[in-house]
Amino acid sequence: MVSLEEQLQAILERNLRVEADKAWEVSFTRRFSIAVLTYAIAVIFLWSIESASPLLHGLIPTGGYVLSTFSLPALKRAWMRKHRTRK
């Protein structure tokens, strides 16, 4: 049987992992990396189909992603406030 101390230690370790995952999800590094990858993939695709100005047009999906990172946290907070009161 697992002791109470071992159970508590397992919970504390799990909480540390969850906090680290959450910190990564909202980090600037993650957002920047996804934006750079989005831009690179869009430019490669646009270049492969011989689109005019692939470097410029690659900014469109990247800009959409960046804008979504600004708007989604506000939407999440509003959603959480609404659903927190429905218990």
PDB file of N, CA and C in Angstrom:
ATOM      1  N   MET A   1       0.842  -1.185   0.000  1.00  0.00           N
ATOM      2  CA  MET A   1       0.000   0.000   0.000  1.00  0.00           C
ATOM      3  C   MET A   1       0.887   1.248   0.000  1.00  0.00           C
ATOM      4  N   VAL A   2       0.434   2.258  -0.718  1.00  0.00           N
ATOM      5  CA  VAL A   2       1.183   3.503  -0.841  1.00  0.00           C
ATOM      6  C   VAL A   2       0.893   4.375   0.381  1.00  0.00           C
ATOM      7  N   SER A   3       1.966   4.901   0.963  1.00  0.00           N
ATOM      8  CA  SER A   3       1.795   5.724   2.155  1.00  0.00           C
ATOM      9  C   SER A   3       1.217   7.088   1.785  1.00  0.00           C
ATOM     10  N   LEU A   4       0.691   7.742   2.778  1.00  0.00           N
ATOM     11  CA  LEU A   4       0.124   9.075   2.602  1.00  0.00           C
ATOM     12  C   LEU A   4       1.191  10.062   2.115  1.00  0.00           C
ATOM     13  N   GLU A   5       2.401   9.940   2.629  1.00  0.00           N
ATOM     14  CA  GLU A   5       3.492  10.818   2.202  1.00  0.00           C
ATOM     15  C   GLU A   5       3.837  10.604   0.733  1.00  0.00           C
ATOM     16  N   GLU A   6       3.840   9.353   0.290  1.00  0.00           N
ATOM     17  CA  GLU A   6       4.132   9.055  -1.113  1.00  0.00           C
ATOM     18  C   GLU A   6       3.031   9.601  -2.028  1.00  0.00           C
ATOM     19  N   GLN A   7       1.787   9.475  -1.578  1.00  0.00           N
ATOM     20  CA  GLN A   7       0.675  10.021  -2.356  1.00  0.00           C
ATOM     21  C   GLN A   7       0.788  11.535  -2.472  1.00  0.00           C
ATOM     22  N   LEU A   8       1.101  12.183  -1.354  1.00  0.00           N
ATOM     23  CA  LEU A   8       1.257  13.632  -1.347  1.00  0.00           C
ATOM     24  C   LEU A   8       2.408  14.057  -2.257  1.00  0.00           C
ATOM     25  N   GLN A   9       3.516  13.342  -2.201  1.00  0.00           N
ATOM     26  CA  GLN A   9       4.667  13.659  -3.056  1.00  0.00           C
ATOM     27  C   GLN A   9       4.300  13.506  -4.526  1.00  0.00           C
ATOM     28  N   ALA A  10       3.542  12.458  -4.862  1.00  0.00           N
ATOM     29  CA  ALA A  10       3.119  12.247  -6.253  1.00  0.00           C
ATOM     30  C   ALA A  10       2.216  13.387  -6.722  1.00  0.00           C
ATOM     31  N   ILE A  11       1.345  13.857  -5.848  1.00  0.00           N
ATOM     32  CA  ILE A  11       0.452  14.979  -6.192  1.00  0.00           C
ATOM     33  C   ILE A  11       1.264  16.251  -6.396  1.00  0.00           C
ATOM     34  N   LEU A  12       2.217  16.512  -5.526  1.00  0.00           N
ATOM     35  CA  LEU A  12       3.053  17.711  -5.657  1.00  0.00           C
ATOM     36  C   LEU A  12       3.874  17.678  -6.945  1.00  0.00           C
ATOM     37  N   GLU A  13       4.411  16.513  -7.304  1.00  0.00           N
ATOM     38  CA  GLU A  13       5.178  16.387  -8.544  1.00  0.00           C
ATOM     39  C   GLU A  13       4.274  16.603  -9.754  1.00  0.00           C
ATOM     40  N   ARG A  14       3.065  16.051  -9.699  1.00  0.00           N
ATOM     41  CA  ARG A  14       2.104  16.244 -10.789  1.00  0.00           C
ATOM     42  C   ARG A  14       1.759  17.719 -10.938  1.00  0.00           C
ATOM     43  N   ASN A  15       1.550  18.404  -9.817  1.00  0.00           N
ATOM     44  CA  ASN A  15       1.234  19.831  -9.862  1.00  0.00           C
ATOM     45  C   ASN A  15       2.370  20.635 -10.495  1.00  0.00           C
ATOM     46  N   LEU A  16       3.607  20.271 -10.203  1.00  0.00           N
ATOM     47  CA  LEU A  16       4.750  20.954 -10.812  1.00  0.00           C
ATOM     48  C   LEU A  16       4.756  20.756 -12.326  1.00  0.00           C
ATOM     49  N   ARG A  17       4.455  19.525 -12.773  1.00  0.00           N
ATOM     50  CA  ARG A  17       4.402  19.259 -14.221  1.00  0.00           C
ATOM     51  C   ARG A  17       3.282  20.060 -14.877  1.00  0.00           C
ATOM     52  N   VAL A  18       2.125  20.100 -14.228  1.00  0.00           N
ATOM     53  CA  VAL A  18       0.987  20.840 -14.786  1.00  0.00           C
ATOM     54  C   VAL A  18       1.317  22.330 -14.863  1.00  0.00           C
ATOM     55  N   GLU A  19       1.936  22.880 -13.833  1.00  0.00           N
ATOM     56  CA  GLU A  19       2.313  24.293 -13.842  1.00  0.00           C
ATOM     57  C   GLU A  19       3.337  24.591 -14.938  1.00  0.00           C
ATOM     58  N   ALA A  20       4.288  23.684 -15.134  1.00  0.00           N
ATOM     59  CA  ALA A  20       5.295  23.874 -16.186  1.00  0.00           C
ATOM     60  C   ALA A  20       4.634  23.813 -17.562  1.00  0.00           C
ATOM     61  N   ASP A  21       3.704  22.880 -17.758  1.00  0.00           N
ATOM     62  CA  ASP A  21       2.980  22.785 -19.031  1.00  0.00           C
ATOM     63  C   ASP A  21       2.184  24.054 -19.299  1.00  0.00           C
ATOM     64  N   LYS A  22       1.525  24.568 -18.287  1.00  0.00           N
ATOM     65  CA  LYS A  22       0.740  25.795 -18.442  1.00  0.00           C
ATOM     66  C   LYS A  22       1.660  26.983 -18.770  1.00  0.00           C
ATOM     67  N   ALA A  23       2.792  27.059 -18.103  1.00  0.00           N
ATOM     68  CA  ALA A  23       3.742  28.144 -18.368  1.00  0.00           C
ATOM     69  C   ALA A  23       4.219  28.076 -19.816  1.00  0.00           C
ATOM     70  N   TRP A  24       4.470  26.865 -20.330  1.00  0.00           N
ATOM     71  CA  TRP A  24       4.900  26.708 -21.716  1.00  0.00           C
ATOM     72  C   TRP A  24       3.785  27.153 -22.657  1.00  0.00           C
ATOM     73  N   GLU A  25       2.551  26.785 -22.370  1.00  0.00           N
ATOM     74  CA  GLU A  25       1.420  27.116 -23.237  1.00  0.00           C
ATOM     75  C   GLU A  25       1.260  28.620 -23.440  1.00  0.00           C
ATOM     76  N   VAL A  26       1.564  29.419 -22.446  1.00  0.00           N
ATOM     77  CA  VAL A  26       1.371  30.866 -22.551  1.00  0.00           C
ATOM     78  C   VAL A  26       2.683  31.625 -22.763  1.00  0.00           C
ATOM     79  N   SER A  27       3.783  30.892 -22.966  1.00  0.00           N
ATOM     80  CA  SER A  27       5.083  31.550 -23.070  1.00  0.00           C
ATOM     81  C   SER A  27       5.266  32.264 -24.407  1.00  0.00           C
ATOM     82  N   PHE A  28       6.056  33.324 -24.360  1.00  0.00           N
ATOM     83  CA  PHE A  28       6.426  34.054 -25.569  1.00  0.00           C
ATOM     84  C   PHE A  28       7.228  33.153 -26.498  1.00  0.00           C
ATOM     85  N   THR A  29       8.100  32.316 -25.952  1.00  0.00           N
ATOM     86  CA  THR A  29       8.935  31.419 -26.752  1.00  0.00           C
ATOM     87  C   THR A  29       8.073  30.499 -27.612  1.00  0.00           C
ATOM     88  N   ARG A  30       7.033  29.919 -27.023  1.00  0.00           N
ATOM     89  CA  ARG A  30       6.138  29.028 -27.770  1.00  0.00           C
ATOM     90  C   ARG A  30       5.420  29.797 -28.873  1.00  0.00           C
ATOM     91  N   ARG A  31       4.863  30.942 -28.530  1.00  0.00           N
ATOM     92  CA  ARG A  31       4.126  31.737 -29.521  1.00  0.00           C
ATOM     93  C   ARG A  31       5.027  32.178 -30.667  1.00  0.00           C
ATOM     94  N   PHE A  32       6.218  32.635 -30.332  1.00  0.00           N
ATOM     95  CA  PHE A  32       7.171  33.072 -31.353  1.00  0.00           C
ATOM     96  C   PHE A  32       7.582  31.908 -32.256  1.00  0.00           C
ATOM     97  N   SER A  33       7.857  30.759 -31.662  1.00  0.00           N
ATOM     98  CA  SER A  33       8.253  29.583 -32.440  1.00  0.00           C
ATOM     99  C   SER A  33       7.159  29.165 -33.415  1.00  0.00           C
ATOM    100  N   ILE A  34       5.924  29.145 -32.957  1.00  0.00           N
ATOM    101  CA  ILE A  34       4.816  28.770 -33.837  1.00  0.00           C
ATOM    102  C   ILE A  34       4.653  29.797 -34.946  1.00  0.00           C
ATOM    103  N   ALA A  35       4.798  31.069 -34.622  1.00  0.00           N
ATOM    104  CA  ALA A  35       4.684  32.109 -35.650  1.00  0.00           C
ATOM    105  C   ALA A  35       5.765  31.957 -36.715  1.00  0.00           C
ATOM    106  N   VAL A  36       6.996  31.696 -36.293  1.00  0.00           N
ATOM    107  CA  VAL A  36       8.092  31.517 -37.249  1.00  0.00           C
ATOM    108  C   VAL A  36       7.839  30.291 -38.118  1.00  0.00           C
ATOM    109  N   LEU A  37       7.418  29.187 -37.519  1.00  0.00           N
ATOM    110  CA  LEU A  37       7.133  27.976 -38.295  1.00  0.00           C
ATOM    111  C   LEU A  37       5.969  28.188 -39.255  1.00  0.00           C
ATOM    112  N   THR A  38       4.938  28.884 -38.805  1.00  0.00           N
ATOM    113  CA  THR A  38       3.794  29.173 -39.670  1.00  0.00           C
ATOM    114  C   THR A  38       4.239  29.991 -40.874  1.00  0.00           C
ATOM    115  N   TYR A  39       5.042  31.010 -40.624  1.00  0.00           N
ATOM    116  CA  TYR A  39       5.527  31.850 -41.708  1.00  0.00           C
ATOM    117  C   TYR A  39       6.374  31.038 -42.693  1.00  0.00           C
ATOM    118  N   ALA A  40       7.295  30.226 -42.166  1.00  0.00           N
ATOM    119  CA  ALA A  40       8.178  29.440 -43.031  1.00  0.00           C
ATOM    120  C   ALA A  40       7.383  28.467 -43.894  1.00  0.00           C
ATOM    121  N   ILE A  41       6.431  27.782 -43.303  1.00  0.00           N
ATOM    122  CA  ILE A  41       5.625  26.823 -44.065  1.00  0.00           C
ATOM    123  C   ILE A  41       4.785  27.539 -45.111  1.00  0.00           C
ATOM    124  N   ALA A  42       4.196  28.670 -44.749  1.00  0.00           N
ATOM    125  CA  ALA A  42       3.389  29.428 -45.710  1.00  0.00           C
ATOM    126  C   ALA A  42       4.246  29.917 -46.875  1.00  0.00           C
ATOM    127  N   VAL A  43       5.439  30.436 -46.575  1.00  0.00           N
ATOM    128  CA  VAL A  43       6.327  30.924 -47.640  1.00  0.00           C
ATOM    129  C   VAL A  43       6.750  29.777 -48.553  1.00  0.00           C
ATOM    130  N   ILE A  44       7.100  28.650 -47.986  1.00  0.00           N
ATOM    131  CA  ILE A  44       7.500  27.492 -48.802  1.00  0.00           C
ATOM    132  C   ILE A  44       6.342  27.058 -49.701  1.00  0.00           C
ATOM    133  N   PHE A  45       5.146  26.988 -49.137  1.00  0.00           N
ATOM    134  CA  PHE A  45       3.983  26.603 -49.940  1.00  0.00           C
ATOM    135  C   PHE A  45       3.728  27.624 -51.047  1.00  0.00           C
ATOM    136  N   LEU A  46       3.716  28.896 -50.705  1.00  0.00           N
ATOM    137  CA  LEU A  46       3.448  29.931 -51.709  1.00  0.00           C
ATOM    138  C   LEU A  46       4.533  29.955 -52.782  1.00  0.00           C
ATOM    139  N   TRP A  47       5.771  29.744 -52.386  1.00  0.00           N
ATOM    140  CA  TRP A  47       6.861  29.692 -53.345  1.00  0.00           C
ATOM    141  C   TRP A  47       6.685  28.492 -54.281  1.00  0.00           C
ATOM    142  N   SER A  48       6.251  27.341 -53.711  1.00  0.00           N
ATOM    143  CA  SER A  48       6.114  26.121 -54.521  1.00  0.00           C
ATOM    144  C   SER A  48       4.997  26.234 -55.558  1.00  0.00           C
ATOM    145  N   ILE A  49       3.994  27.053 -55.277  1.00  0.00           N
ATOM    146  CA  ILE A  49       2.926  27.238 -56.269  1.00  0.00           C
ATOM    147  C   ILE A  49       3.160  28.489 -57.113  1.00  0.00           C
ATOM    148  N   GLU A  50       4.352  29.034 -56.956  1.00  0.00           N
ATOM    149  CA  GLU A  50       4.785  30.204 -57.730  1.00  0.00           C
ATOM    150  C   GLU A  50       3.855  31.405 -57.560  1.00  0.00           C
ATOM    151  N   SER A  51       3.476  31.633 -56.337  1.00  0.00           N
ATOM    152  CA  SER A  51       2.654  32.798 -56.010  1.00  0.00           C
ATOM    153  C   SER A  51       3.502  34.065 -56.086  1.00  0.00           C
ATOM    154  N   ALA A  52       2.849  35.155 -56.425  1.00  0.00           N
ATOM    155  CA  ALA A  52       3.541  36.446 -56.425  1.00  0.00           C
ATOM    156  C   ALA A  52       3.786  36.867 -54.977  1.00  0.00           C
ATOM    157  N   SER A  53       4.958  37.339 -54.673  1.00  0.00           N
ATOM    158  CA  SER A  53       5.329  37.853 -53.347  1.00  0.00           C
ATOM    159  C   SER A  53       5.079  36.860 -52.207  1.00  0.00           C
ATOM    160  N   PRO A  54       5.676  35.679 -52.254  1.00  0.00           N
ATOM    161  CA  PRO A  54       5.433  34.713 -51.171  1.00  0.00           C
ATOM    162  C   PRO A  54       5.907  35.216 -49.803  1.00  0.00           C
ATOM    163  N   LEU A  55       6.980  36.030 -49.778  1.00  0.00           N
ATOM    164  CA  LEU A  55       7.461  36.545 -48.492  1.00  0.00           C
ATOM    165  C   LEU A  55       6.447  37.486 -47.855  1.00  0.00           C
ATOM    166  N   LEU A  56       5.801  38.293 -48.667  1.00  0.00           N
ATOM    167  CA  LEU A  56       4.779  39.204 -48.160  1.00  0.00           C
ATOM    168  C   LEU A  56       3.494  38.454 -47.811  1.00  0.00           C
ATOM    169  N   HIS A  57       3.044  37.607 -48.694  1.00  0.00           N
ATOM    170  CA  HIS A  57       1.787  36.888 -48.474  1.00  0.00           C
ATOM    171  C   HIS A  57       1.874  35.861 -47.342  1.00  0.00           C
ATOM    172  N   GLY A  58       3.080  35.422 -47.025  1.00  0.00           N
ATOM    173  CA  GLY A  58       3.263  34.509 -45.900  1.00  0.00           C
ATOM    174  C   GLY A  58       2.939  35.152 -44.563  1.00  0.00           C
ATOM    175  N   LEU A  59       2.891  36.478 -44.566  1.00  0.00           N
ATOM    176  CA  LEU A  59       2.554  37.185 -43.318  1.00  0.00           C
ATOM    177  C   LEU A  59       1.076  37.052 -42.952  1.00  0.00           C
ATOM    178  N   ILE A  60       0.224  36.737 -43.917  1.00  0.00           N
ATOM    179  CA  ILE A  60      -1.213  36.680 -43.645  1.00  0.00           C
ATOM    180  C   ILE A  60      -1.559  35.583 -42.634  1.00  0.00           C
ATOM    181  N   PRO A  61      -1.198  34.313 -42.863  1.00  0.00           N
ATOM    182  CA  PRO A  61      -1.533  33.303 -41.846  1.00  0.00           C
ATOM    183  C   PRO A  61      -0.780  33.526 -40.531  1.00  0.00           C
ATOM    184  N   THR A  62       0.435  34.040 -40.637  1.00  0.00           N
ATOM    185  CA  THR A  62       1.208  34.312 -39.419  1.00  0.00           C
ATOM    186  C   THR A  62       0.539  35.404 -38.597  1.00  0.00           C
ATOM    187  N   GLY A  63       0.084  36.450 -39.267  1.00  0.00           N
ATOM    188  CA  GLY A  63      -0.632  37.521 -38.569  1.00  0.00           C
ATOM    189  C   GLY A  63      -1.909  37.015 -37.930  1.00  0.00           C
ATOM    190  N   GLY A  64      -2.605  36.123 -38.620  1.00  0.00           N
ATOM    191  CA  GLY A  64      -3.819  35.534 -38.046  1.00  0.00           C
ATOM    192  C   GLY A  64      -3.523  34.761 -36.780  1.00  0.00           C
ATOM    193  N   TYR A  65      -2.449  33.998 -36.803  1.00  0.00           N
ATOM    194  CA  TYR A  65      -2.075  33.249 -35.602  1.00  0.00           C
ATOM    195  C   TYR A  65      -1.733  34.199 -34.452  1.00  0.00           C
ATOM    196  N   VAL A  66      -0.909  35.199 -34.747  1.00  0.00           N
ATOM    197  CA  VAL A  66      -0.495  36.133 -33.697  1.00  0.00           C
ATOM    198  C   VAL A  66      -1.713  36.853 -33.113  1.00  0.00           C
ATOM    199  N   LEU A  67      -2.620  37.292 -33.966  1.00  0.00           N
ATOM    200  CA  LEU A  67      -3.834  37.948 -33.465  1.00  0.00           C
ATOM    201  C   LEU A  67      -4.661  37.010 -32.595  1.00  0.00           C
ATOM    202  N   SER A  68      -4.728  35.741 -32.974  1.00  0.00           N
ATOM    203  CA  SER A  68      -5.507  34.796 -32.173  1.00  0.00           C
ATOM    204  C   SER A  68      -4.906  34.595 -30.791  1.00  0.00           C
ATOM    205  N   THR A  69      -3.583  34.733 -30.670  1.00  0.00           N
ATOM    206  CA  THR A  69      -2.975  34.574 -29.348  1.00  0.00           C
ATOM    207  C   THR A  69      -3.310  35.745 -28.435  1.00  0.00           C
ATOM    208  N   PHE A  70      -3.665  36.879 -29.042  1.00  0.00           N
ATOM    209  CA  PHE A  70      -4.075  38.028 -28.225  1.00  0.00           C
ATOM    210  C   PHE A  70      -5.542  37.934 -27.825  1.00  0.00           C
ATOM    211  N   SER A  71      -6.383  37.428 -28.713  1.00  0.00           N
ATOM    212  CA  SER A  71      -7.810  37.436 -28.449  1.00  0.00           C
ATOM    213  C   SER A  71      -8.275  36.229 -27.644  1.00  0.00           C
ATOM    214  N   LEU A  72      -7.668  35.081 -27.817  1.00  0.00           N
ATOM    215  CA  LEU A  72      -8.151  33.876 -27.158  1.00  0.00           C
ATOM    216  C   LEU A  72      -8.057  33.915 -25.633  1.00  0.00           C
ATOM    217  N   PRO A  73      -7.007  34.451 -25.032  1.00  0.00           N
ATOM    218  CA  PRO A  73      -7.004  34.512 -23.561  1.00  0.00           C
ATOM    219  C   PRO A  73      -8.193  35.296 -23.001  1.00  0.00           C
ATOM    220  N   ALA A  74      -8.585  36.374 -23.661  1.00  0.00           N
ATOM    221  CA  ALA A  74      -9.740  37.152 -23.190  1.00  0.00           C
ATOM    222  C   ALA A  74     -11.021  36.332 -23.335  1.00  0.00           C
ATOM    223  N   LEU A  75     -11.148  35.625 -24.442  1.00  0.00           N
ATOM    224  CA  LEU A  75     -12.322  34.775 -24.631  1.00  0.00           C
ATOM    225  C   LEU A  75     -12.355  33.649 -23.609  1.00  0.00           C
ATOM    226  N   LYS A  76     -11.193  33.087 -23.295  1.00  0.00           N
ATOM    227  CA  LYS A  76     -11.118  32.017 -22.303  1.00  0.00           C
ATOM    228  C   LYS A  76     -11.569  32.516 -20.931  1.00  0.00           C
ATOM    229  N   ARG A  77     -11.097  33.705 -20.544  1.00  0.00           N
ATOM    230  CA  ARG A  77     -11.499  34.254 -19.241  1.00  0.00           C
ATOM    231  C   ARG A  77     -13.003  34.475 -19.177  1.00  0.00           C
ATOM    232  N   ALA A  78     -13.577  35.009 -20.256  1.00  0.00           N
ATOM    233  CA  ALA A  78     -15.026  35.240 -20.293  1.00  0.00           C
ATOM    234  C   ALA A  78     -15.772  33.918 -20.208  1.00  0.00           C
ATOM    235  N   TRP A  79     -15.314  32.916 -20.929  1.00  0.00           N
ATOM    236  CA  TRP A  79     -15.952  31.604 -20.904  1.00  0.00           C
ATOM    237  C   TRP A  79     -15.882  31.003 -19.502  1.00  0.00           C
ATOM    238  N   MET A  80     -14.711  31.131 -18.861  1.00  0.00           N
ATOM    239  CA  MET A  80     -14.541  30.565 -17.519  1.00  0.00           C
ATOM    240  C   MET A  80     -15.431  31.277 -16.509  1.00  0.00           C
ATOM    241  N   ARG A  81     -15.560  32.601 -16.619  1.00  0.00           N
ATOM    242  CA  ARG A  81     -16.452  33.332 -15.708  1.00  0.00           C
ATOM    243  C   ARG A  81     -17.887  32.857 -15.874  1.00  0.00           C
ATOM    244  N   LYS A  82     -18.304  32.682 -17.108  1.00  0.00           N
ATOM    245  CA  LYS A  82     -19.682  32.258 -17.388  1.00  0.00           C
ATOM    246  C   LYS A  82     -19.942  30.858 -16.848  1.00  0.00           C
ATOM    247  N   HIS A  83     -19.020  29.947 -17.033  1.00  0.00           N
ATOM    248  CA  HIS A  83     -19.228  28.564 -16.635  1.00  0.00           C
ATOM    249  C   HIS A  83     -18.909  28.295 -15.170  1.00  0.00           C
ATOM    250  N   ARG A  84     -18.203  29.172 -14.530  1.00  0.00           N
ATOM    251  CA  ARG A  84     -17.915  29.017 -13.120  1.00  0.00           C
ATOM    252  C   ARG A  84     -19.169  29.209 -12.282  1.00  0.00           C
ATOM    253  N   THR A  85     -20.090  30.022 -12.755  1.00  0.00           N
ATOM    254  CA  THR A  85     -21.301  30.317 -11.998  1.00  0.00           C
ATOM    255  C   THR A  85     -22.392  29.286 -12.210  1.00  0.00           C
ATOM    256  N   ARG A  86     -22.183  28.307 -13.070  1.00  0.00           N
ATOM    257  CA  ARG A  86     -23.208  27.293 -13.378  1.00  0.00           C
ATOM    258  C   ARG A  86     -23.000  26.000 -12.619  1.00  0.00           C
ATOM    259  N   LYS A  87     -22.823  26.026 -11.360  1.00  0.00           N
ATOM    260  CA  LYS A  87     -22.632  24.773 -10.608  1.00  0.00           C
ATOM    261  C   LYS A  87     -23.853  24.354  -9.876  1.00  0.00           C
TER     262      LYS A  87
END
